[in-house]
């Protein structure tokens, strides 16, 4: 999807999309750093709010051949784009459903819990913690919740649920991005 089409989806569906520009490859690389994710031992990754897939693409480049990516996208146009873009890769399942159901989908995929949850959901405009709490509940001990934000406004929210939060900053993005990394202890 081009920048203009993404911008139009952002305007039409701001509460779903939460931004007007797609994430840069710098954000994708930061969210998927080896420092944050043990790719060698990862079997199940969940991505929330994948948009048109720049982070999805980076995850698939690092994901083992026998691992699985459950990719949630509530926006129908983005979900269709993701399905079309990644149809060749059997490791990915595109889910056009509410991310609150991530536990059901993890179990349906044959896992007890996820190793990592990467999220681009715009939690600053979503006041409920249901999705974040479900991510915490369905994440293995030692697993990480990695969240993209454009401010530090939700930092205390993640710290309350995960009891910790490390920040990585990406200047080369429009707008610049804060990556919250929270480990389930």
C-alpha atoms as a PDB file:
ATOM      1  CA  UNK A   1       0.000   0.000   0.000  1.00  0.00           C
ATOM      2  CA  UNK A   2       1.347   3.377  -0.905  1.00  0.00           C
ATOM      3  CA  UNK A   3       1.763   6.341   1.425  1.00  0.00           C
ATOM      4  CA  UNK A   4      -1.310   8.121   0.032  1.00  0.00           C
ATOM      5  CA  UNK A   5      -3.606   5.104   0.491  1.00  0.00           C
ATOM      6  CA  UNK A   6      -2.263   4.630   4.015  1.00  0.00           C
ATOM      7  CA  UNK A   7      -2.888   8.319   4.749  1.00  0.00           C
ATOM      8  CA  UNK A   8      -6.488   7.999   3.487  1.00  0.00           C
ATOM      9  CA  UNK A   9      -7.102   4.939   5.695  1.00  0.00           C
ATOM     10  CA  UNK A  10      -5.612   6.867   8.623  1.00  0.00           C
ATOM     11  CA  UNK A  11      -8.030   9.760   8.066  1.00  0.00           C
ATOM     12  CA  UNK A  12     -11.091   7.578   7.432  1.00  0.00           C
ATOM     13  CA  UNK A  13     -10.427   5.206  10.325  1.00  0.00           C
ATOM     14  CA  UNK A  14      -8.253   7.098  12.797  1.00  0.00           C
ATOM     15  CA  UNK A  15      -9.548   5.181  15.856  1.00  0.00           C
ATOM     16  CA  UNK A  16      -8.442   1.922  14.197  1.00  0.00           C
ATOM     17  CA  UNK A  17      -5.236   3.137  12.545  1.00  0.00           C
ATOM     18  CA  UNK A  18      -4.026   5.768  15.039  1.00  0.00           C
ATOM     19  CA  UNK A  19      -1.622   7.460  12.624  1.00  0.00           C
ATOM     20  CA  UNK A  20      -1.472   8.966   9.141  1.00  0.00           C
ATOM     21  CA  UNK A  21       1.869   7.507   8.073  1.00  0.00           C
ATOM     22  CA  UNK A  22       3.212   3.986   7.982  1.00  0.00           C
ATOM     23  CA  UNK A  23       6.067   2.878  10.226  1.00  0.00           C
ATOM     24  CA  UNK A  24       9.558   3.282   8.803  1.00  0.00           C
ATOM     25  CA  UNK A  25      11.945   0.378   8.352  1.00  0.00           C
ATOM     26  CA  UNK A  26      13.922   1.941  11.226  1.00  0.00           C
ATOM     27  CA  UNK A  27      10.944   1.328  13.542  1.00  0.00           C
ATOM     28  CA  UNK A  28      10.580  -2.223  12.202  1.00  0.00           C
ATOM     29  CA  UNK A  29      14.273  -2.950  12.800  1.00  0.00           C
ATOM     30  CA  UNK A  30      14.157  -1.481  16.316  1.00  0.00           C
ATOM     31  CA  UNK A  31      11.054  -3.460  17.317  1.00  0.00           C
ATOM     32  CA  UNK A  32      12.618  -6.714  16.089  1.00  0.00           C
ATOM     33  CA  UNK A  33      16.172  -6.258  17.430  1.00  0.00           C
ATOM     34  CA  UNK A  34      17.947  -9.423  18.558  1.00  0.00           C
ATOM     35  CA  UNK A  35      18.526  -7.560  21.834  1.00  0.00           C
ATOM     36  CA  UNK A  36      14.731  -7.581  22.385  1.00  0.00           C
ATOM     37  CA  UNK A  37      13.808 -10.935  20.810  1.00  0.00           C
ATOM     38  CA  UNK A  38      15.476 -14.346  21.059  1.00  0.00           C
ATOM     39  CA  UNK A  39      14.682 -15.370  17.467  1.00  0.00           C
ATOM     40  CA  UNK A  40      16.510 -18.694  17.737  1.00  0.00           C
ATOM     41  CA  UNK A  41      14.104 -20.015  20.396  1.00  0.00           C
ATOM     42  CA  UNK A  42      10.911 -18.232  19.338  1.00  0.00           C
ATOM     43  CA  UNK A  43       7.986 -20.378  18.213  1.00  0.00           C
ATOM     44  CA  UNK A  44       4.956 -18.048  18.451  1.00  0.00           C
ATOM     45  CA  UNK A  45       4.869 -14.299  17.802  1.00  0.00           C
ATOM     46  CA  UNK A  46       1.705 -12.211  17.887  1.00  0.00           C
ATOM     47  CA  UNK A  47       1.535  -8.884  16.082  1.00  0.00           C
ATOM     48  CA  UNK A  48      -1.279  -6.492  16.974  1.00  0.00           C
ATOM     49  CA  UNK A  49      -2.350  -3.722  14.589  1.00  0.00           C
ATOM     50  CA  UNK A  50      -0.100  -4.693  11.702  1.00  0.00           C
ATOM     51  CA  UNK A  51      -1.325  -1.976   9.338  1.00  0.00           C
ATOM     52  CA  UNK A  52       0.024  -2.652   5.862  1.00  0.00           C
ATOM     53  CA  UNK A  53       2.919  -4.762   7.112  1.00  0.00           C
ATOM     54  CA  UNK A  54       6.312  -3.029   7.441  1.00  0.00           C
ATOM     55  CA  UNK A  55       6.914  -4.624  10.847  1.00  0.00           C
ATOM     56  CA  UNK A  56       5.286  -7.884   9.716  1.00  0.00           C
ATOM     57  CA  UNK A  57       7.826  -8.076   6.901  1.00  0.00           C
ATOM     58  CA  UNK A  58      10.723  -7.608   9.330  1.00  0.00           C
ATOM     59  CA  UNK A  59       9.316 -10.253  11.707  1.00  0.00           C
ATOM     60  CA  UNK A  60       9.050 -12.773   8.868  1.00  0.00           C
ATOM     61  CA  UNK A  61      12.642 -12.077   7.809  1.00  0.00           C
ATOM     62  CA  UNK A  62      13.831 -13.097  11.289  1.00  0.00           C
ATOM     63  CA  UNK A  63      11.288 -15.797  12.176  1.00  0.00           C
ATOM     64  CA  UNK A  64      12.405 -19.441  12.126  1.00  0.00           C
ATOM     65  CA  UNK A  65      10.970 -21.650   9.353  1.00  0.00           C
ATOM     66  CA  UNK A  66       9.005 -23.723  11.895  1.00  0.00           C
ATOM     67  CA  UNK A  67       7.653 -20.755  13.909  1.00  0.00           C
ATOM     68  CA  UNK A  68       4.283 -19.013  13.613  1.00  0.00           C
ATOM     69  CA  UNK A  69       3.188 -15.364  13.355  1.00  0.00           C
ATOM     70  CA  UNK A  70      -0.393 -14.510  14.311  1.00  0.00           C
ATOM     71  CA  UNK A  71      -1.035 -11.129  12.775  1.00  0.00           C
ATOM     72  CA  UNK A  72      -4.070  -9.126  13.989  1.00  0.00           C
ATOM     73  CA  UNK A  73      -5.458  -6.258  11.937  1.00  0.00           C
ATOM     74  CA  UNK A  74      -8.971  -4.937  12.605  1.00  0.00           C
ATOM     75  CA  UNK A  75      -9.043  -2.648   9.547  1.00  0.00           C
ATOM     76  CA  UNK A  76     -10.498  -4.689   6.690  1.00  0.00           C
ATOM     77  CA  UNK A  77      -8.522  -2.943   3.907  1.00  0.00           C
ATOM     78  CA  UNK A  78      -5.232  -3.455   5.757  1.00  0.00           C
ATOM     79  CA  UNK A  79      -6.110  -7.101   6.516  1.00  0.00           C
ATOM     80  CA  UNK A  80      -6.802  -7.693   2.801  1.00  0.00           C
ATOM     81  CA  UNK A  81      -3.496  -6.017   1.902  1.00  0.00           C
ATOM     82  CA  UNK A  82      -1.614  -8.193   4.406  1.00  0.00           C
ATOM     83  CA  UNK A  83      -3.295 -11.366   3.120  1.00  0.00           C
ATOM     84  CA  UNK A  84      -2.359 -10.496  -0.452  1.00  0.00           C
ATOM     85  CA  UNK A  85       1.197  -9.428   0.423  1.00  0.00           C
ATOM     86  CA  UNK A  86       2.081 -12.450   2.587  1.00  0.00           C
ATOM     87  CA  UNK A  87      -0.068 -15.239   1.063  1.00  0.00           C
ATOM     88  CA  UNK A  88       3.090 -17.140   0.019  1.00  0.00           C
ATOM     89  CA  UNK A  89       4.350 -17.503   3.604  1.00  0.00           C
ATOM     90  CA  UNK A  90       2.802 -20.431   5.508  1.00  0.00           C
ATOM     91  CA  UNK A  91       4.179 -19.185   8.859  1.00  0.00           C
ATOM     92  CA  UNK A  92       1.720 -16.271   9.013  1.00  0.00           C
ATOM     93  CA  UNK A  93      -1.987 -16.190   9.835  1.00  0.00           C
ATOM     94  CA  UNK A  94      -3.770 -12.893   9.155  1.00  0.00           C
ATOM     95  CA  UNK A  95      -6.609 -12.312  11.629  1.00  0.00           C
ATOM     96  CA  UNK A  96      -9.239  -9.651  10.890  1.00  0.00           C
ATOM     97  CA  UNK A  97     -10.683  -9.734  14.400  1.00  0.00           C
ATOM     98  CA  UNK A  98     -10.489  -7.996  17.771  1.00  0.00           C
ATOM     99  CA  UNK A  99      -7.064  -8.344  19.436  1.00  0.00           C
ATOM    100  CA  UNK A 100      -8.842  -9.044  22.762  1.00  0.00           C
ATOM    101  CA  UNK A 101      -9.286 -12.581  21.373  1.00  0.00           C
ATOM    102  CA  UNK A 102      -5.558 -13.207  20.993  1.00  0.00           C
ATOM    103  CA  UNK A 103      -5.608 -15.975  23.616  1.00  0.00           C
ATOM    104  CA  UNK A 104      -8.182 -17.957  21.608  1.00  0.00           C
ATOM    105  CA  UNK A 105      -6.127 -17.660  18.429  1.00  0.00           C
ATOM    106  CA  UNK A 106      -2.894 -18.639  20.191  1.00  0.00           C
ATOM    107  CA  UNK A 107      -4.578 -21.834  21.479  1.00  0.00           C
ATOM    108  CA  UNK A 108      -6.171 -22.526  18.055  1.00  0.00           C
ATOM    109  CA  UNK A 109      -2.683 -22.316  16.513  1.00  0.00           C
ATOM    110  CA  UNK A 110      -1.513 -25.048  18.909  1.00  0.00           C
ATOM    111  CA  UNK A 111       0.358 -22.954  21.490  1.00  0.00           C
ATOM    112  CA  UNK A 112      -0.237 -22.428  25.204  1.00  0.00           C
ATOM    113  CA  UNK A 113       1.160 -18.896  25.092  1.00  0.00           C
ATOM    114  CA  UNK A 114       3.062 -16.468  22.879  1.00  0.00           C
ATOM    115  CA  UNK A 115       6.804 -15.887  23.125  1.00  0.00           C
ATOM    116  CA  UNK A 116       6.450 -12.228  22.073  1.00  0.00           C
ATOM    117  CA  UNK A 117       3.679  -9.733  21.341  1.00  0.00           C
ATOM    118  CA  UNK A 118       4.583  -6.786  19.106  1.00  0.00           C
ATOM    119  CA  UNK A 119       1.950  -4.078  18.950  1.00  0.00           C
ATOM    120  CA  UNK A 120       1.266  -1.007  16.882  1.00  0.00           C
ATOM    121  CA  UNK A 121      -2.240  -0.537  18.322  1.00  0.00           C
ATOM    122  CA  UNK A 122      -2.883   3.158  19.139  1.00  0.00           C
ATOM    123  CA  UNK A 123      -3.470   2.711  22.890  1.00  0.00           C
ATOM    124  CA  UNK A 124      -3.304   6.464  23.500  1.00  0.00           C
ATOM    125  CA  UNK A 125      -6.761   6.726  21.885  1.00  0.00           C
ATOM    126  CA  UNK A 126      -8.035   3.432  23.373  1.00  0.00           C
ATOM    127  CA  UNK A 127      -8.786   4.010  27.069  1.00  0.00           C
ATOM    128  CA  UNK A 128      -9.366   0.369  28.090  1.00  0.00           C
ATOM    129  CA  UNK A 129      -6.535  -1.958  29.084  1.00  0.00           C
ATOM    130  CA  UNK A 130      -8.282  -5.172  27.916  1.00  0.00           C
ATOM    131  CA  UNK A 131      -5.932  -5.878  25.002  1.00  0.00           C
ATOM    132  CA  UNK A 132      -2.772  -5.106  26.990  1.00  0.00           C
ATOM    133  CA  UNK A 133      -3.999  -7.321  29.841  1.00  0.00           C
ATOM    134  CA  UNK A 134      -4.790 -10.140  27.393  1.00  0.00           C
ATOM    135  CA  UNK A 135      -1.291  -9.785  25.910  1.00  0.00           C
ATOM    136  CA  UNK A 136       0.189 -10.063  29.424  1.00  0.00           C
ATOM    137  CA  UNK A 137      -2.017 -13.039  30.324  1.00  0.00           C
ATOM    138  CA  UNK A 138      -1.153 -14.951  27.128  1.00  0.00           C
ATOM    139  CA  UNK A 139       2.577 -14.218  27.121  1.00  0.00           C
ATOM    140  CA  UNK A 140       5.075 -16.729  28.518  1.00  0.00           C
ATOM    141  CA  UNK A 141       7.137 -15.799  31.566  1.00  0.00           C
ATOM    142  CA  UNK A 142      10.214 -14.042  30.225  1.00  0.00           C
ATOM    143  CA  UNK A 143       8.353 -13.106  27.040  1.00  0.00           C
ATOM    144  CA  UNK A 144       8.101  -9.486  25.962  1.00  0.00           C
ATOM    145  CA  UNK A 145       5.388  -7.061  24.944  1.00  0.00           C
ATOM    146  CA  UNK A 146       6.891  -4.551  22.496  1.00  0.00           C
ATOM    147  CA  UNK A 147       4.707  -1.509  21.786  1.00  0.00           C
ATOM    148  CA  UNK A 148       5.105   1.338  19.279  1.00  0.00           C
ATOM    149  CA  UNK A 149       4.087   4.834  20.447  1.00  0.00           C
ATOM    150  CA  UNK A 150       4.621   8.411  19.359  1.00  0.00           C
ATOM    151  CA  UNK A 151       4.854   9.750  22.919  1.00  0.00           C
ATOM    152  CA  UNK A 152       5.576   8.588  26.461  1.00  0.00           C
ATOM    153  CA  UNK A 153       1.952   9.185  27.534  1.00  0.00           C
ATOM    154  CA  UNK A 154       1.188   5.474  28.104  1.00  0.00           C
ATOM    155  CA  UNK A 155       4.447   4.485  29.837  1.00  0.00           C
ATOM    156  CA  UNK A 156       2.857   4.259  33.307  1.00  0.00           C
ATOM    157  CA  UNK A 157       0.066   2.116  31.850  1.00  0.00           C
ATOM    158  CA  UNK A 158       2.532  -0.531  30.655  1.00  0.00           C
ATOM    159  CA  UNK A 159       4.537  -0.349  33.878  1.00  0.00           C
ATOM    160  CA  UNK A 160       1.335  -0.932  35.886  1.00  0.00           C
ATOM    161  CA  UNK A 161       0.511  -4.095  33.931  1.00  0.00           C
ATOM    162  CA  UNK A 162       4.032  -5.453  33.376  1.00  0.00           C
ATOM    163  CA  UNK A 163       5.838  -3.883  36.368  1.00  0.00           C
ATOM    164  CA  UNK A 164       8.601  -2.711  34.037  1.00  0.00           C
ATOM    165  CA  UNK A 165       9.210  -0.793  30.818  1.00  0.00           C
ATOM    166  CA  UNK A 166      12.349  -0.026  28.868  1.00  0.00           C
ATOM    167  CA  UNK A 167      12.241   2.611  26.112  1.00  0.00           C
ATOM    168  CA  UNK A 168      13.990   2.579  22.744  1.00  0.00           C
ATOM    169  CA  UNK A 169      13.736   5.770  20.659  1.00  0.00           C
ATOM    170  CA  UNK A 170      13.571   5.949  16.843  1.00  0.00           C
ATOM    171  CA  UNK A 171      14.234   9.417  15.449  1.00  0.00           C
ATOM    172  CA  UNK A 172      14.027   8.313  11.807  1.00  0.00           C
ATOM    173  CA  UNK A 173      10.256   7.961  11.593  1.00  0.00           C
ATOM    174  CA  UNK A 174       7.401  10.384  10.931  1.00  0.00           C
ATOM    175  CA  UNK A 175       6.642  11.155  13.688  1.00  0.00           C
ATOM    176  CA  UNK A 176       9.618   9.989  15.786  1.00  0.00           C
ATOM    177  CA  UNK A 177       8.708   6.852  17.738  1.00  0.00           C
ATOM    178  CA  UNK A 178       9.085   5.437  21.226  1.00  0.00           C
ATOM    179  CA  UNK A 179       9.313   1.655  21.489  1.00  0.00           C
ATOM    180  CA  UNK A 180       8.194   0.334  24.890  1.00  0.00           C
ATOM    181  CA  UNK A 181       9.707  -3.055  25.780  1.00  0.00           C
ATOM    182  CA  UNK A 182       7.998  -4.800  28.712  1.00  0.00           C
ATOM    183  CA  UNK A 183       9.037  -8.226  29.962  1.00  0.00           C
ATOM    184  CA  UNK A 184       6.590 -10.539  31.703  1.00  0.00           C
ATOM    185  CA  UNK A 185       8.258 -11.498  34.953  1.00  0.00           C
END
